[in-house]
Amino acid sequence: MAHLRIGSRGSQLALWQANHVACLLRENGHEVEIEIIKTTGDKITDVALSKVGTKGMFTKEIEEALSTGRVDLAVHSLKDLPTEVPQEFEIAAITKRDNPLDVFVSPQFAGVEGLRPGARVGTSSLRRQAQLKAFRPDLEIHPLRGNVDTRLKKLESGAYDAIILAAAGVTRLGLTALVRQVLPADFMCPAAAQGALGIEIRRGENVIRRQLAFLDNREARQTTSCERALLSTLGGGCQVPIGAFAEVRAGRLRLCGVVATPDGSRLLRESREGEDPEMLGIELGKSLLAHGGEAILAEVYGYAAVTPEQP
């Protein structure tokens, strides 16, 4: 069997993900090693992601290692992987998806509705901020960067009344003690491809692709391809206020999309069903743009560029 080298970020969650894939590969008879690669996103920890403006900030250096042959495959949180994968690479497998939703985390409040007026909520995601403010405009949203463990420590120190995290991340790390509420998609539409792992390889590496084929989950590929097509059509990256959530119902795909202003004052939400994942994502994306999404996103990009860094 093959000796495979995995490229991964060095965060606790990224290493869990890389080790998870490595374990599955070893069970299939392969020898595996993991090489830690520091990315731009790991180096910039004091600025809200929406203000960095770097596409592929969590993937660029890993792709460089893949390109030079330093590693054979890369394991990404698929939501961090830009929708336009460089021509020299391909997503060989998308693993079975974990819970794609967000969770409300707090040491004292049971849910978003129970937060006191003016409560401090931590998140650096414009998507989460926009949807929270649409429901609770009184809340104070403050930047929150760092790995999952760091964010939870900041919460426990009293810096925030609550924080919003991806359900998959806290579950994978066993850090669910303060999770109070799983936020339904019709309230907090998740990020495109949240909860899924994407395994990237050099295009044309047919042997490696075949070795990874058993990891590719059909439903995860369908739903995430649909969500990423929506995101691509809207011209957005993972740090803009766009939500996308697809699920398979009775053999058909149902996709919900959200576009909002960062302050939540305008929020568009549409859904539709179809059979072709990419076509469905494109169609819903075009519909959202036509119904006001284009104007909202033009405003958003200006917001991300000119808003001063918060302390």
Protein backbone atom coordinates (compact mmCIF):
# COMPACT_ATOMS: atom_id res chain seq x y z
CA MET A 1 0.00 0.00 0.00
CA ALA A 2 0.99 3.65 -0.40
CA HIS A 3 2.90 5.96 1.93
CA LEU A 4 0.82 9.14 2.00
CA ARG A 5 1.83 12.54 3.40
CA ILE A 6 -1.01 14.79 4.63
CA GLY A 7 -0.64 18.57 4.79
CA SER A 8 -2.59 20.25 7.59
CA ARG A 9 -2.81 23.42 9.62
CA GLY A 10 -1.51 23.09 13.15
CA SER A 11 -4.58 24.05 15.15
CA GLN A 12 -6.13 21.53 17.50
CA LEU A 13 -9.17 21.17 15.25
CA ALA A 14 -7.17 20.92 12.01
CA LEU A 15 -5.00 18.20 13.52
CA TRP A 16 -8.08 16.31 14.71
CA GLN A 17 -9.37 16.42 11.14
CA ALA A 18 -6.04 15.33 9.64
CA ASN A 19 -5.70 12.51 12.16
CA HIS A 20 -9.27 11.41 11.49
CA VAL A 21 -8.50 11.04 7.78
CA ALA A 22 -5.13 9.44 8.57
CA CYS A 23 -6.85 6.85 10.77
CA LEU A 24 -9.30 5.96 8.00
CA LEU A 25 -6.44 5.62 5.52
CA ARG A 26 -4.44 3.43 7.90
CA GLU A 27 -7.48 1.20 8.39
CA ASN A 28 -7.43 0.80 4.63
CA GLY A 29 -3.82 -0.36 4.73
CA HIS A 30 -1.88 2.82 3.96
CA GLU A 31 1.09 4.30 5.80
CA VAL A 32 0.40 7.94 6.67
CA GLU A 33 2.30 10.89 8.10
CA ILE A 34 1.08 14.41 8.83
CA GLU A 35 3.06 17.55 8.07
CA ILE A 36 1.98 20.75 9.84
CA ILE A 37 1.96 23.88 7.67
CA LYS A 38 1.35 27.38 9.04
CA THR A 39 -1.02 29.44 6.89
CA THR A 40 -1.66 33.18 6.55
CA GLY A 41 -4.86 32.81 8.54
CA ASP A 42 -2.93 31.24 11.41
CA LYS A 43 -0.47 34.16 11.48
CA ILE A 44 -3.10 36.93 11.48
CA THR A 45 -5.01 36.47 14.72
CA ASP A 46 -5.82 40.03 15.83
CA VAL A 47 -7.96 41.20 12.90
CA ALA A 48 -11.52 40.20 12.04
CA LEU A 49 -11.50 37.79 9.10
CA SER A 50 -13.87 39.99 7.10
CA LYS A 51 -11.23 42.74 7.07
CA VAL A 52 -8.26 40.67 5.96
CA GLY A 53 -9.50 40.31 2.40
CA THR A 54 -7.29 37.36 1.50
CA LYS A 55 -8.86 34.52 -0.43
CA GLY A 56 -7.44 31.16 0.54
CA MET A 57 -5.91 32.53 3.73
CA PHE A 58 -6.23 29.12 5.38
CA THR A 59 -5.20 27.11 2.31
CA LYS A 60 -2.58 28.96 0.21
CA GLU A 61 0.56 27.67 1.93
CA ILE A 62 -0.82 24.13 2.09
CA GLU A 63 -1.52 24.22 -1.64
CA GLU A 64 2.04 25.41 -2.24
CA ALA A 65 3.34 22.36 -0.36
CA LEU A 66 1.01 20.18 -2.41
CA SER A 67 2.18 21.76 -5.65
CA THR A 68 5.88 21.14 -4.91
CA GLY A 69 5.28 17.53 -3.87
CA ARG A 70 6.12 18.15 -0.22
CA VAL A 71 2.78 16.54 0.66
CA ASP A 72 0.49 14.19 -1.30
CA LEU A 73 -2.87 15.44 -0.06
CA ALA A 74 -4.33 18.22 2.00
CA VAL A 75 -7.18 17.97 4.50
CA HIS A 76 -9.26 21.14 4.75
CA SER A 77 -12.40 22.28 6.46
CA LEU A 78 -14.26 22.53 3.17
CA LYS A 79 -15.83 25.85 4.17
CA ASP A 80 -12.29 27.36 4.19
CA LEU A 81 -11.51 26.20 0.66
CA PRO A 82 -12.25 28.87 -1.98
CA THR A 83 -14.96 27.90 -4.44
CA GLU A 84 -12.51 28.37 -7.31
CA VAL A 85 -10.00 25.57 -6.78
CA PRO A 86 -6.80 26.27 -8.79
CA GLN A 87 -6.60 24.31 -12.04
CA GLU A 88 -3.66 22.24 -10.85
CA PHE A 89 -5.67 20.78 -7.94
CA GLU A 90 -8.90 18.85 -7.43
CA ILE A 91 -11.09 17.82 -4.50
CA ALA A 92 -10.66 14.07 -4.59
CA ALA A 93 -12.98 13.29 -1.68
CA ILE A 94 -15.53 14.93 0.58
CA THR A 95 -16.01 12.94 3.74
CA LYS A 96 -19.31 12.16 5.42
CA ARG A 97 -20.59 15.44 6.77
CA ASP A 98 -20.87 16.20 10.47
CA ASN A 99 -23.53 18.54 11.86
CA PRO A 100 -23.40 21.60 9.54
CA LEU A 101 -25.24 23.95 11.93
CA ASP A 102 -24.00 26.60 14.35
CA VAL A 103 -24.36 26.41 18.12
CA PHE A 104 -24.98 28.99 20.84
CA VAL A 105 -22.42 28.67 23.63
CA SER A 106 -22.79 30.38 27.01
CA PRO A 107 -22.05 29.72 30.69
CA GLN A 108 -25.28 31.40 31.85
CA PHE A 109 -27.84 31.92 29.06
CA ALA A 110 -29.96 29.13 27.59
CA GLY A 111 -30.30 30.57 24.10
CA VAL A 112 -30.34 33.64 21.88
CA GLU A 113 -33.85 34.63 22.98
CA GLY A 114 -32.79 34.60 26.63
CA LEU A 115 -29.84 36.97 26.25
CA ARG A 116 -30.15 40.17 28.24
CA PRO A 117 -30.54 43.42 26.24
CA GLY A 118 -27.15 44.66 25.05
CA ALA A 119 -25.45 41.32 25.73
CA ARG A 120 -21.94 40.86 24.32
CA VAL A 121 -21.76 38.08 21.72
CA GLY A 122 -18.46 36.99 20.25
CA THR A 123 -18.01 36.17 16.57
CA SER A 124 -15.83 37.47 13.74
CA SER A 125 -18.20 36.05 11.12
CA LEU A 126 -20.27 38.66 9.27
CA ARG A 127 -22.68 35.85 8.36
CA ARG A 128 -23.38 35.09 12.02
CA GLN A 129 -23.38 38.75 13.01
CA ALA A 130 -25.92 39.68 10.34
CA GLN A 131 -28.37 36.94 11.24
CA LEU A 132 -28.06 37.61 14.96
CA LYS A 133 -28.66 41.34 14.49
CA ALA A 134 -31.66 40.68 12.25
CA PHE A 135 -33.29 38.83 15.13
CA ARG A 136 -31.82 40.79 18.05
CA PRO A 137 -30.65 44.26 16.92
CA ASP A 138 -29.93 45.18 20.53
CA LEU A 139 -27.05 42.73 20.86
CA GLU A 140 -23.43 43.93 20.87
CA ILE A 141 -21.33 41.84 18.49
CA HIS A 142 -17.60 41.76 19.22
CA PRO A 143 -14.70 40.18 17.28
CA LEU A 144 -13.61 36.72 18.32
CA ARG A 145 -10.61 35.04 16.68
CA GLY A 146 -8.48 32.05 17.65
CA ASN A 147 -8.97 28.31 17.73
CA VAL A 148 -11.98 26.72 19.41
CA ASP A 149 -10.23 26.24 22.74
CA THR A 150 -9.02 29.86 22.79
CA ARG A 151 -12.50 31.15 22.02
CA LEU A 152 -14.02 29.10 24.81
CA LYS A 153 -11.41 30.38 27.30
CA LYS A 154 -12.28 33.97 26.34
CA LEU A 155 -15.94 33.18 26.96
CA GLU A 156 -15.23 31.60 30.33
CA SER A 157 -13.10 34.62 31.34
CA GLY A 158 -16.21 36.79 31.12
CA ALA A 159 -15.23 38.71 27.97
CA TYR A 160 -18.50 37.66 26.32
CA ASP A 161 -21.96 36.64 27.44
CA ALA A 162 -22.12 34.10 24.61
CA ILE A 163 -20.29 33.04 21.47
CA ILE A 164 -21.39 31.29 18.28
CA LEU A 165 -19.38 28.34 16.98
CA ALA A 166 -19.74 25.59 14.39
CA ALA A 167 -21.34 22.50 15.89
CA ALA A 168 -18.90 20.20 14.08
CA GLY A 169 -15.82 21.81 15.61
CA VAL A 170 -16.90 21.70 19.25
CA THR A 171 -18.21 18.15 18.83
CA ARG A 172 -15.02 16.85 17.20
CA LEU A 173 -12.97 18.24 20.07
CA GLY A 174 -15.37 17.10 22.80
CA LEU A 175 -15.89 20.70 23.99
CA THR A 176 -19.66 20.72 24.18
CA ALA A 177 -20.10 21.41 27.90
CA LEU A 178 -21.29 25.00 27.39
CA VAL A 179 -23.34 24.40 24.24
CA ARG A 180 -26.86 25.55 25.10
CA GLN A 181 -28.64 25.63 21.75
CA VAL A 182 -28.23 24.20 18.26
CA LEU A 183 -29.30 27.03 15.97
CA PRO A 184 -31.70 25.84 13.25
CA ALA A 185 -30.87 26.69 9.64
CA ASP A 186 -34.03 28.79 9.24
CA PHE A 187 -32.67 31.10 11.96
CA MET A 188 -28.91 30.84 11.49
CA CYS A 189 -28.16 29.62 7.96
CA PRO A 190 -24.68 28.03 8.14
CA ALA A 191 -21.64 28.70 5.99
CA ALA A 192 -21.41 26.86 2.69
CA ALA A 193 -19.90 23.38 3.23
CA GLN A 194 -19.70 23.78 7.02
CA GLY A 195 -19.15 20.43 8.75
CA ALA A 196 -17.51 18.75 5.76
CA LEU A 197 -13.87 17.88 5.13
CA GLY A 198 -12.42 18.27 1.66
CA ILE A 199 -9.37 16.26 0.60
CA GLU A 200 -7.37 18.06 -2.07
CA ILE A 201 -4.79 16.49 -4.37
CA ARG A 202 -2.79 17.45 -7.45
CA ARG A 203 -4.96 17.16 -10.55
CA GLY A 204 -4.20 14.06 -12.57
CA GLU A 205 -2.85 12.01 -9.66
CA ASN A 206 -5.08 9.11 -10.61
CA VAL A 207 -3.49 6.58 -8.27
CA ILE A 208 -3.96 8.79 -5.21
CA ARG A 209 -7.51 9.64 -6.30
CA ARG A 210 -8.37 5.93 -6.42
CA GLN A 211 -6.80 5.39 -2.99
CA LEU A 212 -9.03 8.13 -1.56
CA ALA A 213 -12.23 7.13 -3.38
CA PHE A 214 -13.62 5.18 -0.41
CA LEU A 215 -13.68 8.43 1.62
CA ASP A 216 -15.92 10.27 -0.84
CA ASN A 217 -19.47 10.51 0.50
CA ARG A 218 -22.13 10.96 -2.19
CA GLU A 219 -24.60 12.99 -0.12
CA ALA A 220 -21.87 15.23 1.31
CA ARG A 221 -20.57 15.93 -2.20
CA GLN A 222 -24.07 16.71 -3.48
CA THR A 223 -25.00 19.11 -0.68
CA THR A 224 -21.66 20.90 -0.45
CA SER A 225 -21.33 21.23 -4.24
CA CYS A 226 -24.78 22.82 -4.25
CA GLU A 227 -23.87 25.26 -1.46
CA ARG A 228 -20.50 26.14 -3.01
CA ALA A 229 -22.16 26.79 -6.39
CA LEU A 230 -24.48 29.27 -4.66
CA LEU A 231 -21.54 30.97 -2.96
CA SER A 232 -19.59 31.13 -6.22
CA THR A 233 -22.55 32.63 -8.08
CA LEU A 234 -22.85 35.33 -5.43
CA GLY A 235 -19.14 36.03 -5.78
CA GLY A 236 -18.55 35.59 -2.08
CA GLY A 237 -15.94 33.95 0.10
CA CYS A 238 -16.34 32.29 3.45
CA GLN A 239 -16.16 35.60 5.36
CA VAL A 240 -19.10 37.50 3.87
CA PRO A 241 -22.70 37.46 5.19
CA ILE A 242 -23.86 34.64 2.92
CA GLY A 243 -25.41 31.45 4.27
CA ALA A 244 -26.07 28.27 2.32
CA PHE A 245 -27.65 25.05 3.50
CA ALA A 246 -28.59 22.09 1.30
CA GLU A 247 -30.14 18.80 2.33
CA VAL A 248 -31.48 15.75 0.54
CA ARG A 249 -35.22 15.22 0.97
CA ALA A 250 -36.95 12.28 -0.70
CA GLY A 251 -34.20 12.03 -3.25
CA ARG A 252 -34.26 15.74 -4.16
CA LEU A 253 -32.03 18.56 -3.05
CA ARG A 254 -33.46 21.49 -1.12
CA LEU A 255 -31.25 24.56 -0.89
CA CYS A 256 -31.73 27.60 1.35
CA GLY A 257 -29.66 30.74 0.80
CA VAL A 258 -29.24 33.92 2.84
CA VAL A 259 -27.67 37.26 1.96
CA ALA A 260 -27.68 40.08 4.52
CA THR A 261 -26.18 43.41 5.46
CA PRO A 262 -23.72 43.15 8.39
CA ASP A 263 -26.10 45.07 10.69
CA GLY A 264 -28.97 42.71 9.86
CA SER A 265 -31.23 45.53 8.67
CA ARG A 266 -31.73 43.79 5.31
CA LEU A 267 -31.83 40.02 5.04
CA LEU A 268 -32.82 38.04 1.97
CA ARG A 269 -33.75 34.39 2.40
CA GLU A 270 -34.83 32.12 -0.46
CA SER A 271 -35.07 28.39 -1.01
CA ARG A 272 -35.81 26.05 -3.89
CA GLU A 273 -35.53 22.40 -4.85
CA GLY A 274 -33.83 20.60 -7.70
CA GLU A 275 -31.87 17.53 -8.73
CA ASP A 276 -28.63 18.90 -10.19
CA PRO A 277 -26.51 20.28 -7.31
CA GLU A 278 -24.51 22.89 -9.20
CA MET A 279 -27.44 24.06 -11.32
CA LEU A 280 -29.59 24.47 -8.22
CA GLY A 281 -26.90 26.55 -6.52
CA ILE A 282 -26.45 28.75 -9.59
CA GLU A 283 -30.19 29.29 -10.03
CA LEU A 284 -30.77 30.27 -6.40
CA GLY A 285 -27.69 32.52 -6.45
CA LYS A 286 -28.98 34.37 -9.52
CA SER A 287 -32.39 34.75 -7.90
CA LEU A 288 -30.91 36.23 -4.72
CA LEU A 289 -28.82 38.67 -6.77
CA ALA A 290 -31.87 39.74 -8.77
CA HIS A 291 -33.96 40.34 -5.64
CA GLY A 292 -31.54 42.73 -3.96
CA GLY A 293 -28.52 40.58 -3.16
CA GLU A 294 -26.29 42.40 -5.63
CA ALA A 295 -26.85 45.75 -3.92
CA ILE A 296 -26.35 44.22 -0.47
CA LEU A 297 -23.06 42.58 -1.43
CA ALA A 298 -21.74 45.78 -3.03
CA GLU A 299 -22.38 47.47 0.30
CA VAL A 300 -20.79 44.60 2.22
CA TYR A 301 -17.52 44.73 0.32
CA GLY A 302 -17.29 48.43 1.07
CA TYR A 303 -18.05 47.73 4.73
CA ALA A 304 -15.31 45.12 4.99
CA ALA A 305 -12.79 47.46 3.40
CA VAL A 306 -13.43 50.62 5.39
CA THR A 307 -14.62 49.51 8.84
CA PRO A 308 -11.88 50.28 11.39
CA GLU A 309 -10.45 47.43 13.42
CA GLN A 310 -12.32 47.02 16.68
CA PRO A 311 -10.35 46.75 19.92
